[in-house]
């Protein structure tokens, strides 16, 4: 998640016309504390039961947690890009993500 924070201005346009949401099965108080401690500029949502992860196919029943799947959702609410899994240590992954965001955001 540090890479998202560090590239927020370029990849996510400093939040201008782009919303970045991190969804996790971790409890809300833990997510809030972690996000505050790390200085993240975006929101985290707690999905403790894994409902959102199941809906989008990102929930790993065996481990009872979400995998690192990344979705770009356009202004019309449709998923326009899926990176499954998202390879957060690969610089090319962020180039592809920025291109996917640029395609759906004026």
C-alpha atoms as a PDB file:
ATOM      1  CA  UNK A   1       0.000   0.000   0.000  1.00  0.00           C
ATOM      2  CA  UNK A   2       2.976   2.285   0.413  1.00  0.00           C
ATOM      3  CA  UNK A   3       3.419   2.335  -3.364  1.00  0.00           C
ATOM      4  CA  UNK A   4      -0.168   3.564  -3.771  1.00  0.00           C
ATOM      5  CA  UNK A   5       0.586   6.319  -1.267  1.00  0.00           C
ATOM      6  CA  UNK A   6       3.877   7.215  -2.881  1.00  0.00           C
ATOM      7  CA  UNK A   7       2.419   7.309  -6.404  1.00  0.00           C
ATOM      8  CA  UNK A   8      -0.920   8.844  -5.439  1.00  0.00           C
ATOM      9  CA  UNK A   9      -0.242  12.122  -7.240  1.00  0.00           C
ATOM     10  CA  UNK A  10       0.702  10.554 -10.558  1.00  0.00           C
ATOM     11  CA  UNK A  11      -1.306   7.341 -10.775  1.00  0.00           C
ATOM     12  CA  UNK A  12      -4.417   8.519  -8.903  1.00  0.00           C
ATOM     13  CA  UNK A  13      -4.281  12.211  -9.849  1.00  0.00           C
ATOM     14  CA  UNK A  14      -4.180  13.272  -6.215  1.00  0.00           C
ATOM     15  CA  UNK A  15      -7.764  12.068  -5.919  1.00  0.00           C
ATOM     16  CA  UNK A  16      -9.082  14.429  -8.585  1.00  0.00           C
ATOM     17  CA  UNK A  17     -11.936  12.559 -10.313  1.00  0.00           C
ATOM     18  CA  UNK A  18     -10.455   9.300  -8.983  1.00  0.00           C
ATOM     19  CA  UNK A  19     -11.422   7.490  -5.789  1.00  0.00           C
ATOM     20  CA  UNK A  20      -9.056   4.887  -4.405  1.00  0.00           C
ATOM     21  CA  UNK A  21     -10.603   2.459  -1.922  1.00  0.00           C
ATOM     22  CA  UNK A  22      -8.733  -0.340  -0.233  1.00  0.00           C
ATOM     23  CA  UNK A  23     -11.062  -3.128   0.879  1.00  0.00           C
ATOM     24  CA  UNK A  24      -9.917  -5.654   3.456  1.00  0.00           C
ATOM     25  CA  UNK A  25     -11.367  -8.236   5.809  1.00  0.00           C
ATOM     26  CA  UNK A  26      -9.468  -6.568   8.649  1.00  0.00           C
ATOM     27  CA  UNK A  27     -11.577  -4.842  11.339  1.00  0.00           C
ATOM     28  CA  UNK A  28     -12.298  -1.138  10.785  1.00  0.00           C
ATOM     29  CA  UNK A  29     -10.414   0.123  13.891  1.00  0.00           C
ATOM     30  CA  UNK A  30      -7.257  -1.728  12.829  1.00  0.00           C
ATOM     31  CA  UNK A  31      -7.497  -0.436   9.254  1.00  0.00           C
ATOM     32  CA  UNK A  32      -8.034   3.135  10.440  1.00  0.00           C
ATOM     33  CA  UNK A  33      -5.075   2.982  12.815  1.00  0.00           C
ATOM     34  CA  UNK A  34      -2.804   1.422  10.192  1.00  0.00           C
ATOM     35  CA  UNK A  35      -3.840   3.961   7.523  1.00  0.00           C
ATOM     36  CA  UNK A  36      -3.267   6.861   9.903  1.00  0.00           C
ATOM     37  CA  UNK A  37       0.139   5.532  10.995  1.00  0.00           C
ATOM     38  CA  UNK A  38       1.282   5.045   7.382  1.00  0.00           C
ATOM     39  CA  UNK A  39      -0.061   8.409   6.141  1.00  0.00           C
ATOM     40  CA  UNK A  40      -2.336   7.011   3.439  1.00  0.00           C
ATOM     41  CA  UNK A  41      -4.335   9.654   1.538  1.00  0.00           C
ATOM     42  CA  UNK A  42      -7.152   7.301   0.584  1.00  0.00           C
ATOM     43  CA  UNK A  43      -9.881   5.352   2.327  1.00  0.00           C
ATOM     44  CA  UNK A  44      -9.965   1.798   3.528  1.00  0.00           C
ATOM     45  CA  UNK A  45     -13.180  -0.137   3.898  1.00  0.00           C
ATOM     46  CA  UNK A  46     -13.632  -3.064   6.235  1.00  0.00           C
ATOM     47  CA  UNK A  47     -15.377  -6.075   4.721  1.00  0.00           C
ATOM     48  CA  UNK A  48     -14.974  -8.337   7.729  1.00  0.00           C
ATOM     49  CA  UNK A  49     -17.342 -10.992   6.377  1.00  0.00           C
ATOM     50  CA  UNK A  50     -15.792 -11.008   2.904  1.00  0.00           C
ATOM     51  CA  UNK A  51     -19.068 -10.127   1.139  1.00  0.00           C
ATOM     52  CA  UNK A  52     -17.514  -7.629  -1.275  1.00  0.00           C
ATOM     53  CA  UNK A  53     -14.578  -9.915  -1.957  1.00  0.00           C
ATOM     54  CA  UNK A  54     -16.944 -12.775  -2.754  1.00  0.00           C
ATOM     55  CA  UNK A  55     -19.049 -10.566  -5.003  1.00  0.00           C
ATOM     56  CA  UNK A  56     -15.991  -9.604  -7.068  1.00  0.00           C
ATOM     57  CA  UNK A  57     -14.229 -12.956  -6.925  1.00  0.00           C
ATOM     58  CA  UNK A  58     -11.381 -11.700  -4.753  1.00  0.00           C
ATOM     59  CA  UNK A  59     -12.145 -13.637  -1.582  1.00  0.00           C
ATOM     60  CA  UNK A  60     -10.051 -16.691  -0.747  1.00  0.00           C
ATOM     61  CA  UNK A  61     -12.331 -18.961   1.275  1.00  0.00           C
ATOM     62  CA  UNK A  62      -9.418 -21.172   2.337  1.00  0.00           C
ATOM     63  CA  UNK A  63      -7.607 -18.254   4.001  1.00  0.00           C
ATOM     64  CA  UNK A  64     -10.696 -16.177   4.838  1.00  0.00           C
ATOM     65  CA  UNK A  65      -9.182 -13.098   3.267  1.00  0.00           C
ATOM     66  CA  UNK A  66      -9.147 -11.167   0.014  1.00  0.00           C
ATOM     67  CA  UNK A  67      -6.402 -11.678  -2.540  1.00  0.00           C
ATOM     68  CA  UNK A  68      -4.608  -8.770  -4.189  1.00  0.00           C
ATOM     69  CA  UNK A  69      -7.048  -8.142  -6.990  1.00  0.00           C
ATOM     70  CA  UNK A  70      -7.314  -4.603  -8.299  1.00  0.00           C
ATOM     71  CA  UNK A  71     -10.339  -3.228 -10.150  1.00  0.00           C
ATOM     72  CA  UNK A  72     -10.763   0.005 -12.054  1.00  0.00           C
ATOM     73  CA  UNK A  73     -14.412   1.017 -12.107  1.00  0.00           C
ATOM     74  CA  UNK A  74     -15.515   3.646 -14.606  1.00  0.00           C
ATOM     75  CA  UNK A  75     -17.887   6.536 -13.908  1.00  0.00           C
ATOM     76  CA  UNK A  76     -20.761   4.370 -15.153  1.00  0.00           C
ATOM     77  CA  UNK A  77     -20.093   1.809 -12.403  1.00  0.00           C
ATOM     78  CA  UNK A  78     -18.714  -0.845 -14.746  1.00  0.00           C
ATOM     79  CA  UNK A  79     -15.461  -2.657 -14.107  1.00  0.00           C
ATOM     80  CA  UNK A  80     -13.138  -1.585 -16.916  1.00  0.00           C
ATOM     81  CA  UNK A  81      -9.866  -3.179 -15.814  1.00  0.00           C
ATOM     82  CA  UNK A  82      -8.917  -6.112 -13.604  1.00  0.00           C
ATOM     83  CA  UNK A  83      -5.432  -6.987 -12.395  1.00  0.00           C
ATOM     84  CA  UNK A  84      -5.606 -10.390 -10.716  1.00  0.00           C
ATOM     85  CA  UNK A  85      -3.389 -10.561  -8.910  1.00  0.00           C
ATOM     86  CA  UNK A  86      -2.073  -7.028  -8.809  1.00  0.00           C
ATOM     87  CA  UNK A  87       1.708  -7.246  -8.685  1.00  0.00           C
ATOM     88  CA  UNK A  88       2.445  -4.361  -6.349  1.00  0.00           C
ATOM     89  CA  UNK A  89       6.238  -4.700  -6.598  1.00  0.00           C
ATOM     90  CA  UNK A  90       6.285  -4.506 -10.414  1.00  0.00           C
ATOM     91  CA  UNK A  91       6.682  -0.918 -11.724  1.00  0.00           C
ATOM     92  CA  UNK A  92       4.932  -1.932 -14.964  1.00  0.00           C
ATOM     93  CA  UNK A  93       1.816  -2.761 -12.940  1.00  0.00           C
ATOM     94  CA  UNK A  94       1.513   0.920 -11.974  1.00  0.00           C
ATOM     95  CA  UNK A  95       2.033   2.058 -15.562  1.00  0.00           C
ATOM     96  CA  UNK A  96      -0.771  -0.273 -16.647  1.00  0.00           C
ATOM     97  CA  UNK A  97      -2.956   0.924 -13.789  1.00  0.00           C
ATOM     98  CA  UNK A  98      -2.395   4.584 -14.673  1.00  0.00           C
ATOM     99  CA  UNK A  99      -3.262   3.843 -18.326  1.00  0.00           C
ATOM    100  CA  UNK A 100      -6.456   2.045 -17.245  1.00  0.00           C
ATOM    101  CA  UNK A 101      -7.473   5.000 -15.067  1.00  0.00           C
ATOM    102  CA  UNK A 102      -6.643   7.489 -17.834  1.00  0.00           C
ATOM    103  CA  UNK A 103      -8.897   5.578 -20.252  1.00  0.00           C
ATOM    104  CA  UNK A 104     -11.985   6.076 -18.090  1.00  0.00           C
ATOM    105  CA  UNK A 105     -11.264   9.452 -16.492  1.00  0.00           C
ATOM    106  CA  UNK A 106     -11.314  12.690 -18.461  1.00  0.00           C
END
